[in-house]
C-alpha atoms as a PDB file:
ATOM      1  CA  UNK A   1      -1.142  -6.002 -23.513  1.00  0.00           C
ATOM      2  CA  UNK A   2       1.166  -7.249 -20.774  1.00  0.00           C
ATOM      3  CA  UNK A   3       0.860 -10.836 -19.617  1.00  0.00           C
ATOM      4  CA  UNK A   4       1.206 -11.299 -15.862  1.00  0.00           C
ATOM      5  CA  UNK A   5       1.558 -14.107 -13.375  1.00  0.00           C
ATOM      6  CA  UNK A   6       0.290 -13.645  -9.855  1.00  0.00           C
ATOM      7  CA  UNK A   7       1.914 -15.034  -6.732  1.00  0.00           C
ATOM      8  CA  UNK A   8      -0.549 -15.536  -3.897  1.00  0.00           C
ATOM      9  CA  UNK A   9      -4.268 -16.037  -4.466  1.00  0.00           C
ATOM     10  CA  UNK A  10      -5.716 -15.261  -1.091  1.00  0.00           C
ATOM     11  CA  UNK A  11      -8.401 -12.622  -0.661  1.00  0.00           C
ATOM     12  CA  UNK A  12      -6.264  -9.758  -1.946  1.00  0.00           C
ATOM     13  CA  UNK A  13      -4.643 -11.700  -4.758  1.00  0.00           C
ATOM     14  CA  UNK A  14      -8.071 -12.672  -6.051  1.00  0.00           C
ATOM     15  CA  UNK A  15      -9.165  -9.026  -5.838  1.00  0.00           C
ATOM     16  CA  UNK A  16      -6.213  -8.047  -8.014  1.00  0.00           C
ATOM     17  CA  UNK A  17      -7.116 -10.597 -10.665  1.00  0.00           C
ATOM     18  CA  UNK A  18     -10.823  -9.776 -10.565  1.00  0.00           C
ATOM     19  CA  UNK A  19     -10.168  -6.058 -11.004  1.00  0.00           C
ATOM     20  CA  UNK A  20      -8.747  -6.451 -14.536  1.00  0.00           C
ATOM     21  CA  UNK A  21      -9.356  -9.938 -15.878  1.00  0.00           C
ATOM     22  CA  UNK A  22     -11.510  -9.689 -19.026  1.00  0.00           C
ATOM     23  CA  UNK A  23     -11.967  -5.973 -18.268  1.00  0.00           C
ATOM     24  CA  UNK A  24      -8.636  -4.462 -19.287  1.00  0.00           C
ATOM     25  CA  UNK A  25      -7.068  -3.970 -22.698  1.00  0.00           C
ATOM     26  CA  UNK A  26      -3.658  -3.374 -21.079  1.00  0.00           C
ATOM     27  CA  UNK A  27      -3.068  -6.291 -18.693  1.00  0.00           C
ATOM     28  CA  UNK A  28      -4.226  -9.864 -18.213  1.00  0.00           C
ATOM     29  CA  UNK A  29      -3.286 -12.694 -15.864  1.00  0.00           C
ATOM     30  CA  UNK A  30      -2.421 -16.032 -17.429  1.00  0.00           C
ATOM     31  CA  UNK A  31      -0.559 -17.801 -14.627  1.00  0.00           C
ATOM     32  CA  UNK A  32      -0.536 -18.148 -10.875  1.00  0.00           C
ATOM     33  CA  UNK A  33       1.698 -19.626  -8.190  1.00  0.00           C
ATOM     34  CA  UNK A  34       0.419 -20.812  -4.823  1.00  0.00           C
ATOM     35  CA  UNK A  35       1.577 -23.412  -2.339  1.00  0.00           C
ATOM     36  CA  UNK A  36      -1.682 -25.342  -2.611  1.00  0.00           C
ATOM     37  CA  UNK A  37      -3.160 -25.061  -6.137  1.00  0.00           C
ATOM     38  CA  UNK A  38      -5.949 -27.460  -5.186  1.00  0.00           C
ATOM     39  CA  UNK A  39      -7.434 -24.753  -2.953  1.00  0.00           C
ATOM     40  CA  UNK A  40      -7.990 -22.333  -5.848  1.00  0.00           C
ATOM     41  CA  UNK A  41      -9.088 -24.723  -8.605  1.00  0.00           C
ATOM     42  CA  UNK A  42     -12.438 -23.051  -9.218  1.00  0.00           C
ATOM     43  CA  UNK A  43     -10.961 -19.542  -9.251  1.00  0.00           C
ATOM     44  CA  UNK A  44      -8.031 -20.465 -11.498  1.00  0.00           C
ATOM     45  CA  UNK A  45     -10.269 -22.274 -13.997  1.00  0.00           C
ATOM     46  CA  UNK A  46     -12.751 -19.419 -14.109  1.00  0.00           C
ATOM     47  CA  UNK A  47      -9.943 -16.946 -14.849  1.00  0.00           C
ATOM     48  CA  UNK A  48      -7.974 -19.217 -17.209  1.00  0.00           C
ATOM     49  CA  UNK A  49      -4.874 -19.278 -15.023  1.00  0.00           C
ATOM     50  CA  UNK A  50      -2.225 -21.936 -15.510  1.00  0.00           C
ATOM     51  CA  UNK A  51      -1.294 -22.834 -11.974  1.00  0.00           C
ATOM     52  CA  UNK A  52       2.147 -23.626 -10.579  1.00  0.00           C
ATOM     53  CA  UNK A  53       2.975 -24.984  -7.148  1.00  0.00           C
ATOM     54  CA  UNK A  54       6.069 -22.785  -6.812  1.00  0.00           C
ATOM     55  CA  UNK A  55       7.089 -19.267  -7.718  1.00  0.00           C
ATOM     56  CA  UNK A  56      10.376 -20.432  -9.238  1.00  0.00           C
ATOM     57  CA  UNK A  57       8.532 -22.842 -11.516  1.00  0.00           C
ATOM     58  CA  UNK A  58       6.210 -20.093 -12.719  1.00  0.00           C
ATOM     59  CA  UNK A  59       9.150 -17.770 -13.398  1.00  0.00           C
ATOM     60  CA  UNK A  60      10.975 -20.372 -15.459  1.00  0.00           C
ATOM     61  CA  UNK A  61       8.069 -22.028 -17.290  1.00  0.00           C
ATOM     62  CA  UNK A  62       5.142 -19.594 -17.636  1.00  0.00           C
ATOM     63  CA  UNK A  63       4.788 -17.399 -20.735  1.00  0.00           C
ATOM     64  CA  UNK A  64       4.647 -14.121 -18.810  1.00  0.00           C
ATOM     65  CA  UNK A  65       6.476 -10.807 -18.910  1.00  0.00           C
ATOM     66  CA  UNK A  66       5.429  -9.519 -15.468  1.00  0.00           C
ATOM     67  CA  UNK A  67       4.785 -10.744 -11.944  1.00  0.00           C
ATOM     68  CA  UNK A  68       2.313  -9.425  -9.391  1.00  0.00           C
ATOM     69  CA  UNK A  69       3.210 -10.232  -5.773  1.00  0.00           C
ATOM     70  CA  UNK A  70       0.439 -10.603  -3.206  1.00  0.00           C
ATOM     71  CA  UNK A  71       2.589 -12.420  -0.689  1.00  0.00           C
ATOM     72  CA  UNK A  72       3.856 -12.040   2.907  1.00  0.00           C
ATOM     73  CA  UNK A  73       5.796  -8.816   3.399  1.00  0.00           C
ATOM     74  CA  UNK A  74       8.985 -10.430   4.663  1.00  0.00           C
ATOM     75  CA  UNK A  75       9.668 -12.271   1.385  1.00  0.00           C
ATOM     76  CA  UNK A  76       8.976  -9.389  -1.022  1.00  0.00           C
ATOM     77  CA  UNK A  77      12.633  -8.416  -1.446  1.00  0.00           C
ATOM     78  CA  UNK A  78      13.784 -11.949  -2.251  1.00  0.00           C
ATOM     79  CA  UNK A  79      10.878 -12.541  -4.627  1.00  0.00           C
ATOM     80  CA  UNK A  80      11.508  -9.281  -6.464  1.00  0.00           C
ATOM     81  CA  UNK A  81      15.197 -10.062  -6.884  1.00  0.00           C
ATOM     82  CA  UNK A  82      14.233 -13.444  -8.343  1.00  0.00           C
ATOM     83  CA  UNK A  83      11.886 -11.677 -10.772  1.00  0.00           C
ATOM     84  CA  UNK A  84      14.655  -9.311 -11.835  1.00  0.00           C
ATOM     85  CA  UNK A  85      16.957 -12.279 -12.472  1.00  0.00           C
ATOM     86  CA  UNK A  86      14.201 -13.835 -14.604  1.00  0.00           C
ATOM     87  CA  UNK A  87      13.713 -10.598 -16.567  1.00  0.00           C
ATOM     88  CA  UNK A  88      10.167  -9.919 -15.348  1.00  0.00           C
ATOM     89  CA  UNK A  89       8.552  -6.580 -14.614  1.00  0.00           C
ATOM     90  CA  UNK A  90       7.254  -6.314 -11.046  1.00  0.00           C
ATOM     91  CA  UNK A  91       4.155  -5.074  -9.258  1.00  0.00           C
ATOM     92  CA  UNK A  92       4.568  -5.671  -5.511  1.00  0.00           C
ATOM     93  CA  UNK A  93       1.897  -5.183  -2.898  1.00  0.00           C
ATOM     94  CA  UNK A  94       2.691  -2.930   0.031  1.00  0.00           C
ATOM     95  CA  UNK A  95       4.839  -2.708   2.005  1.00  0.00           C
ATOM     96  CA  UNK A  96       7.381  -2.870  -0.814  1.00  0.00           C
ATOM     97  CA  UNK A  97      10.087  -4.231   1.502  1.00  0.00           C
ATOM     98  CA  UNK A  98      10.628  -4.182   5.249  1.00  0.00           C
ATOM     99  CA  UNK A  99      13.766  -2.029   5.179  1.00  0.00           C
ATOM    100  CA  UNK A 100      15.253   0.773   3.121  1.00  0.00           C
ATOM    101  CA  UNK A 101      18.388  -1.074   2.023  1.00  0.00           C
ATOM    102  CA  UNK A 102      16.353  -3.866   0.424  1.00  0.00           C
ATOM    103  CA  UNK A 103      14.126  -1.335  -1.338  1.00  0.00           C
ATOM    104  CA  UNK A 104      17.161   0.469  -2.751  1.00  0.00           C
ATOM    105  CA  UNK A 105      18.767  -2.793  -3.866  1.00  0.00           C
ATOM    106  CA  UNK A 106      15.645  -4.041  -5.672  1.00  0.00           C
ATOM    107  CA  UNK A 107      15.050  -0.755  -7.465  1.00  0.00           C
ATOM    108  CA  UNK A 108      18.718  -0.374  -8.428  1.00  0.00           C
ATOM    109  CA  UNK A 109      18.866  -3.875  -9.909  1.00  0.00           C
ATOM    110  CA  UNK A 110      15.530  -3.489 -11.708  1.00  0.00           C
ATOM    111  CA  UNK A 111      16.682  -0.212 -13.232  1.00  0.00           C
ATOM    112  CA  UNK A 112      19.950  -1.810 -14.389  1.00  0.00           C
ATOM    113  CA  UNK A 113      17.929  -4.537 -16.098  1.00  0.00           C
ATOM    114  CA  UNK A 114      15.562  -1.971 -17.667  1.00  0.00           C
ATOM    115  CA  UNK A 115      12.620  -3.509 -15.827  1.00  0.00           C
ATOM    116  CA  UNK A 116       9.637  -1.669 -14.358  1.00  0.00           C
ATOM    117  CA  UNK A 117       9.077  -2.134 -10.624  1.00  0.00           C
ATOM    118  CA  UNK A 118       6.162  -0.518  -8.770  1.00  0.00           C
ATOM    119  CA  UNK A 119       4.376  -0.775  -5.440  1.00  0.00           C
ATOM    120  CA  UNK A 120       0.676  -1.356  -4.889  1.00  0.00           C
ATOM    121  CA  UNK A 121      -0.876   1.600  -3.073  1.00  0.00           C
ATOM    122  CA  UNK A 122      -4.443   1.514  -4.386  1.00  0.00           C
ATOM    123  CA  UNK A 123      -5.582   4.493  -2.304  1.00  0.00           C
ATOM    124  CA  UNK A 124      -3.366   6.804  -4.368  1.00  0.00           C
ATOM    125  CA  UNK A 125      -5.793   6.187  -7.225  1.00  0.00           C
ATOM    126  CA  UNK A 126      -8.945   7.264  -5.392  1.00  0.00           C
ATOM    127  CA  UNK A 127     -10.370  10.557  -6.749  1.00  0.00           C
ATOM    128  CA  UNK A 128     -10.333  12.048  -3.250  1.00  0.00           C
ATOM    129  CA  UNK A 129      -6.523  11.994  -3.357  1.00  0.00           C
ATOM    130  CA  UNK A 130      -6.550  13.707  -6.753  1.00  0.00           C
ATOM    131  CA  UNK A 131      -8.820  16.396  -5.310  1.00  0.00           C
ATOM    132  CA  UNK A 132      -6.643  16.912  -2.224  1.00  0.00           C
ATOM    133  CA  UNK A 133      -3.501  17.201  -4.377  1.00  0.00           C
ATOM    134  CA  UNK A 134      -5.175  19.904  -6.477  1.00  0.00           C
ATOM    135  CA  UNK A 135      -6.355  21.798  -3.404  1.00  0.00           C
ATOM    136  CA  UNK A 136      -2.878  21.765  -1.869  1.00  0.00           C
ATOM    137  CA  UNK A 137      -1.248  22.816  -5.147  1.00  0.00           C
ATOM    138  CA  UNK A 138      -3.670  25.741  -5.537  1.00  0.00           C
ATOM    139  CA  UNK A 139      -3.128  26.934  -1.965  1.00  0.00           C
ATOM    140  CA  UNK A 140      -6.722  26.403  -0.808  1.00  0.00           C
ATOM    141  CA  UNK A 141      -5.540  25.188   2.599  1.00  0.00           C
ATOM    142  CA  UNK A 142      -3.280  28.175   3.119  1.00  0.00           C
ATOM    143  CA  UNK A 143      -0.242  26.949   5.019  1.00  0.00           C
ATOM    144  CA  UNK A 144      -0.663  23.232   5.840  1.00  0.00           C
ATOM    145  CA  UNK A 145      -0.067  22.762   9.550  1.00  0.00           C
ATOM    146  CA  UNK A 146      -0.978  19.229  10.575  1.00  0.00           C
ATOM    147  CA  UNK A 147      -2.322  15.948   9.187  1.00  0.00           C
ATOM    148  CA  UNK A 148      -3.703  13.037  11.133  1.00  0.00           C
ATOM    149  CA  UNK A 149      -5.171   9.653  10.260  1.00  0.00           C
ATOM    150  CA  UNK A 150      -6.708   6.869  12.322  1.00  0.00           C
ATOM    151  CA  UNK A 151      -7.667   3.487  10.908  1.00  0.00           C
ATOM    152  CA  UNK A 152      -8.883   0.298  12.505  1.00  0.00           C
ATOM    153  CA  UNK A 153      -9.995  -3.183  11.503  1.00  0.00           C
ATOM    154  CA  UNK A 154     -10.846  -6.072  13.849  1.00  0.00           C
ATOM    155  CA  UNK A 155      -8.388  -8.380  12.062  1.00  0.00           C
ATOM    156  CA  UNK A 156      -6.652  -9.360  15.276  1.00  0.00           C
ATOM    157  CA  UNK A 157      -9.924 -10.764  16.571  1.00  0.00           C
ATOM    158  CA  UNK A 158     -11.427 -12.171  13.364  1.00  0.00           C
ATOM    159  CA  UNK A 159      -8.511 -13.801  11.516  1.00  0.00           C
ATOM    160  CA  UNK A 160      -7.732 -17.479  12.222  1.00  0.00           C
ATOM    161  CA  UNK A 161      -4.872 -18.029  14.678  1.00  0.00           C
ATOM    162  CA  UNK A 162      -2.725 -19.822  12.077  1.00  0.00           C
ATOM    163  CA  UNK A 163      -2.664 -16.870   9.641  1.00  0.00           C
ATOM    164  CA  UNK A 164       0.818 -15.790   8.485  1.00  0.00           C
ATOM    165  CA  UNK A 165      -0.083 -12.274   9.564  1.00  0.00           C
ATOM    166  CA  UNK A 166       0.098 -13.148  13.276  1.00  0.00           C
ATOM    167  CA  UNK A 167       3.871 -12.920  13.290  1.00  0.00           C
ATOM    168  CA  UNK A 168       5.916  -9.933  14.430  1.00  0.00           C
ATOM    169  CA  UNK A 169       8.135 -10.395  11.367  1.00  0.00           C
ATOM    170  CA  UNK A 170       5.073  -9.662   9.204  1.00  0.00           C
ATOM    171  CA  UNK A 171       3.166  -7.292  11.487  1.00  0.00           C
ATOM    172  CA  UNK A 172       5.755  -5.369  13.494  1.00  0.00           C
ATOM    173  CA  UNK A 173       4.335  -2.298  15.218  1.00  0.00           C
ATOM    174  CA  UNK A 174       0.837  -3.709  15.055  1.00  0.00           C
ATOM    175  CA  UNK A 175      -1.233  -2.517  12.116  1.00  0.00           C
ATOM    176  CA  UNK A 176       1.521  -0.487  10.452  1.00  0.00           C
ATOM    177  CA  UNK A 177       2.120  -2.993   7.638  1.00  0.00           C
ATOM    178  CA  UNK A 178      -1.514  -3.766   6.738  1.00  0.00           C
ATOM    179  CA  UNK A 179      -2.906  -0.229   7.205  1.00  0.00           C
ATOM    180  CA  UNK A 180      -0.331   2.270   8.434  1.00  0.00           C
ATOM    181  CA  UNK A 181       1.844   1.996   5.325  1.00  0.00           C
ATOM    182  CA  UNK A 182      -1.130   3.273   3.276  1.00  0.00           C
ATOM    183  CA  UNK A 183      -1.399   6.277   5.589  1.00  0.00           C
ATOM    184  CA  UNK A 184       2.359   6.893   5.391  1.00  0.00           C
ATOM    185  CA  UNK A 185       2.230   6.772   1.599  1.00  0.00           C
ATOM    186  CA  UNK A 186      -0.720   9.145   1.441  1.00  0.00           C
ATOM    187  CA  UNK A 187       1.034  11.669   3.667  1.00  0.00           C
ATOM    188  CA  UNK A 188       4.241  11.476   1.624  1.00  0.00           C
ATOM    189  CA  UNK A 189       2.179  11.926  -1.534  1.00  0.00           C
ATOM    190  CA  UNK A 190       0.494  15.076  -0.209  1.00  0.00           C
ATOM    191  CA  UNK A 191       3.142  16.639   2.035  1.00  0.00           C
ATOM    192  CA  UNK A 192       6.546  15.275   1.123  1.00  0.00           C
ATOM    193  CA  UNK A 193       9.308  13.703   3.144  1.00  0.00           C
ATOM    194  CA  UNK A 194       9.096  12.757   6.820  1.00  0.00           C
ATOM    195  CA  UNK A 195      11.933  13.954   9.062  1.00  0.00           C
ATOM    196  CA  UNK A 196      11.346  12.010  12.293  1.00  0.00           C
ATOM    197  CA  UNK A 197       8.915   9.642  14.025  1.00  0.00           C
ATOM    198  CA  UNK A 198       8.041   8.574  17.547  1.00  0.00           C
ATOM    199  CA  UNK A 199       5.956   5.417  18.018  1.00  0.00           C
ATOM    200  CA  UNK A 200       4.201   3.697  20.891  1.00  0.00           C
ATOM    201  CA  UNK A 201       2.802   0.239  20.180  1.00  0.00           C
ATOM    202  CA  UNK A 202       1.151  -2.122  22.666  1.00  0.00           C
ATOM    203  CA  UNK A 203      -0.755  -5.387  22.971  1.00  0.00           C
ATOM    204  CA  UNK A 204      -3.875  -5.147  25.096  1.00  0.00           C
ATOM    205  CA  UNK A 205      -6.389  -7.745  23.911  1.00  0.00           C
ATOM    206  CA  UNK A 206      -5.189  -9.798  20.925  1.00  0.00           C
ATOM    207  CA  UNK A 207      -3.972 -13.246  21.948  1.00  0.00           C
ATOM    208  CA  UNK A 208      -1.413 -13.493  19.130  1.00  0.00           C
ATOM    209  CA  UNK A 209       2.103 -12.144  19.614  1.00  0.00           C
ATOM    210  CA  UNK A 210       1.415  -8.871  17.821  1.00  0.00           C
ATOM    211  CA  UNK A 211       0.549  -5.384  19.004  1.00  0.00           C
ATOM    212  CA  UNK A 212      -3.053  -4.294  18.582  1.00  0.00           C
ATOM    213  CA  UNK A 213      -2.822  -0.539  19.224  1.00  0.00           C
ATOM    214  CA  UNK A 214      -0.183   1.698  17.654  1.00  0.00           C
ATOM    215  CA  UNK A 215       0.237   5.469  17.445  1.00  0.00           C
ATOM    216  CA  UNK A 216       2.907   7.572  15.778  1.00  0.00           C
ATOM    217  CA  UNK A 217       3.928  11.231  15.919  1.00  0.00           C
ATOM    218  CA  UNK A 218       5.577  12.520  12.739  1.00  0.00           C
ATOM    219  CA  UNK A 219       7.453  15.648  11.769  1.00  0.00           C
ATOM    220  CA  UNK A 220       7.812  16.503   8.082  1.00  0.00           C
ATOM    221  CA  UNK A 221      10.789  18.171   6.445  1.00  0.00           C
ATOM    222  CA  UNK A 222       8.524  21.096   5.470  1.00  0.00           C
ATOM    223  CA  UNK A 223       7.816  21.799   9.153  1.00  0.00           C
ATOM    224  CA  UNK A 224       4.368  20.188   9.359  1.00  0.00           C
ATOM    225  CA  UNK A 225       3.412  17.728  12.065  1.00  0.00           C
ATOM    226  CA  UNK A 226       1.413  14.552  11.721  1.00  0.00           C
ATOM    227  CA  UNK A 227      -0.190  11.722  13.637  1.00  0.00           C
ATOM    228  CA  UNK A 228      -1.078   8.130  12.702  1.00  0.00           C
ATOM    229  CA  UNK A 229      -3.022   5.603  14.792  1.00  0.00           C
ATOM    230  CA  UNK A 230      -3.822   2.048  13.727  1.00  0.00           C
ATOM    231  CA  UNK A 231      -5.683  -0.651  15.628  1.00  0.00           C
ATOM    232  CA  UNK A 232      -6.342  -4.305  14.789  1.00  0.00           C
ATOM    233  CA  UNK A 233      -8.859  -5.000  17.549  1.00  0.00           C
ATOM    234  CA  UNK A 234     -11.449  -2.266  16.981  1.00  0.00           C
ATOM    235  CA  UNK A 235     -14.409  -1.794  14.667  1.00  0.00           C
ATOM    236  CA  UNK A 236     -13.678  -0.968  11.032  1.00  0.00           C
ATOM    237  CA  UNK A 237     -13.230   2.772  10.592  1.00  0.00           C
ATOM    238  CA  UNK A 238     -11.047   5.455   9.057  1.00  0.00           C
ATOM    239  CA  UNK A 239     -10.621   9.191   9.438  1.00  0.00           C
ATOM    240  CA  UNK A 240      -8.149  11.461   7.668  1.00  0.00           C
ATOM    241  CA  UNK A 241      -7.922  15.159   8.500  1.00  0.00           C
ATOM    242  CA  UNK A 242      -5.792  17.954   7.075  1.00  0.00           C
ATOM    243  CA  UNK A 243      -5.534  21.234   8.991  1.00  0.00           C
ATOM    244  CA  UNK A 244      -4.361  24.397   7.247  1.00  0.00           C
ATOM    245  CA  UNK A 245      -4.458  28.108   8.055  1.00  0.00           C
ATOM    246  CA  UNK A 246      -7.295  28.678   5.563  1.00  0.00           C
ATOM    247  CA  UNK A 247      -9.227  25.397   5.513  1.00  0.00           C
ATOM    248  CA  UNK A 248      -9.489  21.850   6.830  1.00  0.00           C
ATOM    249  CA  UNK A 249     -10.419  18.644   5.020  1.00  0.00           C
ATOM    250  CA  UNK A 250     -11.969  15.542   6.550  1.00  0.00           C
ATOM    251  CA  UNK A 251     -12.229  12.117   4.932  1.00  0.00           C
ATOM    252  CA  UNK A 252     -14.811  10.318   7.001  1.00  0.00           C
ATOM    253  CA  UNK A 253     -15.334   6.892   5.424  1.00  0.00           C
ATOM    254  CA  UNK A 254     -12.998   3.922   5.080  1.00  0.00           C
ATOM    255  CA  UNK A 255     -14.028   3.838   1.428  1.00  0.00           C
ATOM    256  CA  UNK A 256     -12.609   7.398   1.138  1.00  0.00           C
ATOM    257  CA  UNK A 257     -15.884   8.345  -0.587  1.00  0.00           C
ATOM    258  CA  UNK A 258     -16.934  11.180   1.753  1.00  0.00           C
ATOM    259  CA  UNK A 259     -14.899  14.382   1.916  1.00  0.00           C
ATOM    260  CA  UNK A 260     -15.821  17.483   3.878  1.00  0.00           C
ATOM    261  CA  UNK A 261     -14.052  20.819   3.296  1.00  0.00           C
ATOM    262  CA  UNK A 262     -14.313  23.336   6.132  1.00  0.00           C
ATOM    263  CA  UNK A 263     -12.971  26.801   5.191  1.00  0.00           C
ATOM    264  CA  UNK A 264     -11.948  29.344   7.793  1.00  0.00           C
ATOM    265  CA  UNK A 265     -14.623  31.613   6.287  1.00  0.00           C
ATOM    266  CA  UNK A 266     -17.504  30.439   4.156  1.00  0.00           C
ATOM    267  CA  UNK A 267     -19.765  27.442   3.761  1.00  0.00           C
ATOM    268  CA  UNK A 268     -18.831  23.855   4.498  1.00  0.00           C
ATOM    269  CA  UNK A 269     -18.623  21.766   1.321  1.00  0.00           C
ATOM    270  CA  UNK A 270     -19.509  18.059   1.291  1.00  0.00           C
ATOM    271  CA  UNK A 271     -18.213  15.955  -1.611  1.00  0.00           C
ATOM    272  CA  UNK A 272     -19.532  12.453  -2.285  1.00  0.00           C
ATOM    273  CA  UNK A 273     -17.561  10.192  -4.628  1.00  0.00           C
ATOM    274  CA  UNK A 274     -20.536   7.902  -5.069  1.00  0.00           C
ATOM    275  CA  UNK A 275     -19.927   4.227  -5.616  1.00  0.00           C
ATOM    276  CA  UNK A 276     -16.198   4.421  -6.465  1.00  0.00           C
ATOM    277  CA  UNK A 277     -14.802   1.201  -5.020  1.00  0.00           C
ATOM    278  CA  UNK A 278     -11.444   1.568  -3.305  1.00  0.00           C
ATOM    279  CA  UNK A 279     -10.780  -2.098  -3.986  1.00  0.00           C
ATOM    280  CA  UNK A 280     -12.011  -2.992  -7.474  1.00  0.00           C
ATOM    281  CA  UNK A 281     -11.948   0.445  -9.118  1.00  0.00           C
ATOM    282  CA  UNK A 282      -8.688   1.588  -7.545  1.00  0.00           C
ATOM    283  CA  UNK A 283      -6.989  -1.772  -8.146  1.00  0.00           C
ATOM    284  CA  UNK A 284      -8.021  -1.599 -11.786  1.00  0.00           C
ATOM    285  CA  UNK A 285      -6.496   1.877 -12.110  1.00  0.00           C
ATOM    286  CA  UNK A 286      -3.222   0.945 -10.435  1.00  0.00           C
ATOM    287  CA  UNK A 287      -2.754  -2.216 -12.507  1.00  0.00           C
ATOM    288  CA  UNK A 288      -3.530  -0.190 -15.639  1.00  0.00           C
ATOM    289  CA  UNK A 289      -0.879   2.310 -14.492  1.00  0.00           C
ATOM    290  CA  UNK A 290       1.588  -0.549 -14.022  1.00  0.00           C
ATOM    291  CA  UNK A 291       0.896  -1.759 -17.562  1.00  0.00           C
ATOM    292  CA  UNK A 292       1.315   1.772 -18.942  1.00  0.00           C
ATOM    293  CA  UNK A 293       4.696   2.073 -17.209  1.00  0.00           C
ATOM    294  CA  UNK A 294       5.849  -1.325 -18.505  1.00  0.00           C
ATOM    295  CA  UNK A 295       4.920  -0.307 -22.048  1.00  0.00           C
ATOM    296  CA  UNK A 296       6.558   3.132 -21.636  1.00  0.00           C
ATOM    297  CA  UNK A 297       3.273   4.916 -22.326  1.00  0.00           C
ATOM    298  CA  UNK A 298       3.230   6.842 -19.034  1.00  0.00           C
ATOM    299  CA  UNK A 299       5.432   7.322 -15.989  1.00  0.00           C
ATOM    300  CA  UNK A 300       4.128   5.524 -12.937  1.00  0.00           C
ATOM    301  CA  UNK A 301       2.483   8.003 -10.526  1.00  0.00           C
ATOM    302  CA  UNK A 302       4.450   6.762  -7.505  1.00  0.00           C
ATOM    303  CA  UNK A 303       8.086   7.860  -8.003  1.00  0.00           C
ATOM    304  CA  UNK A 304      10.806   5.437  -6.976  1.00  0.00           C
ATOM    305  CA  UNK A 305      12.203   7.843  -4.402  1.00  0.00           C
ATOM    306  CA  UNK A 306       8.792   7.884  -2.691  1.00  0.00           C
ATOM    307  CA  UNK A 307       8.666   4.073  -2.679  1.00  0.00           C
ATOM    308  CA  UNK A 308      12.024   4.028  -0.907  1.00  0.00           C
ATOM    309  CA  UNK A 309      11.114   6.848   1.486  1.00  0.00           C
ATOM    310  CA  UNK A 310       7.861   5.173   2.560  1.00  0.00           C
ATOM    311  CA  UNK A 311       9.836   2.049   3.434  1.00  0.00           C
ATOM    312  CA  UNK A 312      12.372   4.160   5.340  1.00  0.00           C
ATOM    313  CA  UNK A 313       9.561   5.781   7.354  1.00  0.00           C
ATOM    314  CA  UNK A 314       8.018   2.388   8.114  1.00  0.00           C
ATOM    315  CA  UNK A 315      11.401   1.011   9.170  1.00  0.00           C
ATOM    316  CA  UNK A 316      11.931   4.012  11.473  1.00  0.00           C
ATOM    317  CA  UNK A 317       8.486   3.555  13.039  1.00  0.00           C
ATOM    318  CA  UNK A 318       9.227  -0.116  13.710  1.00  0.00           C
ATOM    319  CA  UNK A 319      12.560   0.857  15.288  1.00  0.00           C
ATOM    320  CA  UNK A 320      10.879   3.488  17.457  1.00  0.00           C
ATOM    321  CA  UNK A 321       8.218   0.982  18.579  1.00  0.00           C
ATOM    322  CA  UNK A 322      11.029  -1.161  19.967  1.00  0.00           C
ATOM    323  CA  UNK A 323      13.289   1.510  21.460  1.00  0.00           C
ATOM    324  CA  UNK A 324      10.505   3.862  22.629  1.00  0.00           C
ATOM    325  CA  UNK A 325      12.623   6.727  21.311  1.00  0.00           C
ATOM    326  CA  UNK A 326      12.326   9.346  18.595  1.00  0.00           C
ATOM    327  CA  UNK A 327      13.958   8.141  15.359  1.00  0.00           C
ATOM    328  CA  UNK A 328      15.238  10.343  12.556  1.00  0.00           C
ATOM    329  CA  UNK A 329      14.290   8.941   9.147  1.00  0.00           C
ATOM    330  CA  UNK A 330      17.332   8.189   7.013  1.00  0.00           C
END
């Protein structure tokens, strides 16, 4: 069993701990680092976490072999390099880094040190994604033509004004870092590398200095086209649609639990994934996968080249949102 320390115990950090603590035979959390330990006393005591007021202190003093980062995006690269220097395996929440060069540097240094480094994309572990991969591999869609995804949460209206998220360094191009990066990763997973992007991103209603409405046109190296839209001032929703010459697929719930397959000929098929929880269940699976990779039992399902490419696509989208021009993904 790997022994992990978590950095950041906000809503998502607590979800990560809750998904495996006392439930997993592969990973446990024994330490945590937050700026204000007094704010998480009850949670840390309940989960038997030894708390540290700084990340550096936890790295040097805690009896851990791995770190899990649930921290602001802009400091991921620095924190991961510190973990590599301390000889710790790394699970980092998305986005992995904010630019391709940092992603390459972290992964190169981790590999040199024989350390496992992975990114947290919990949606990869939902059974709907497994089903879509199988359908694409078996040719059920015919020739894939186009994929599009739209996601919205009212975070820009509901979050307190002093949140770290209301900063263009953390949320450039609106909702691309909290939501869009998931959609990018899912498209790379299913359809491969992205060739170019064109983004428009605007602020219409949110008072903070962030954009609230963002849309992106994508072209894939395989010739497909794609579209992503994310909003942080609209009701919570998600739709994901794949169009092929022989069939279409529609994911119609933010939980990913409803999938509809519409063939060119034949009956429409509705698939319900029941009460699979995209937070607890998927987080459990991805932390178990991290532990398996650390212990060399299984390869992690998100290849390093895809981690780097997702960051490169995000970086290109951010660039396009500023220049208002098409950007070729490096």
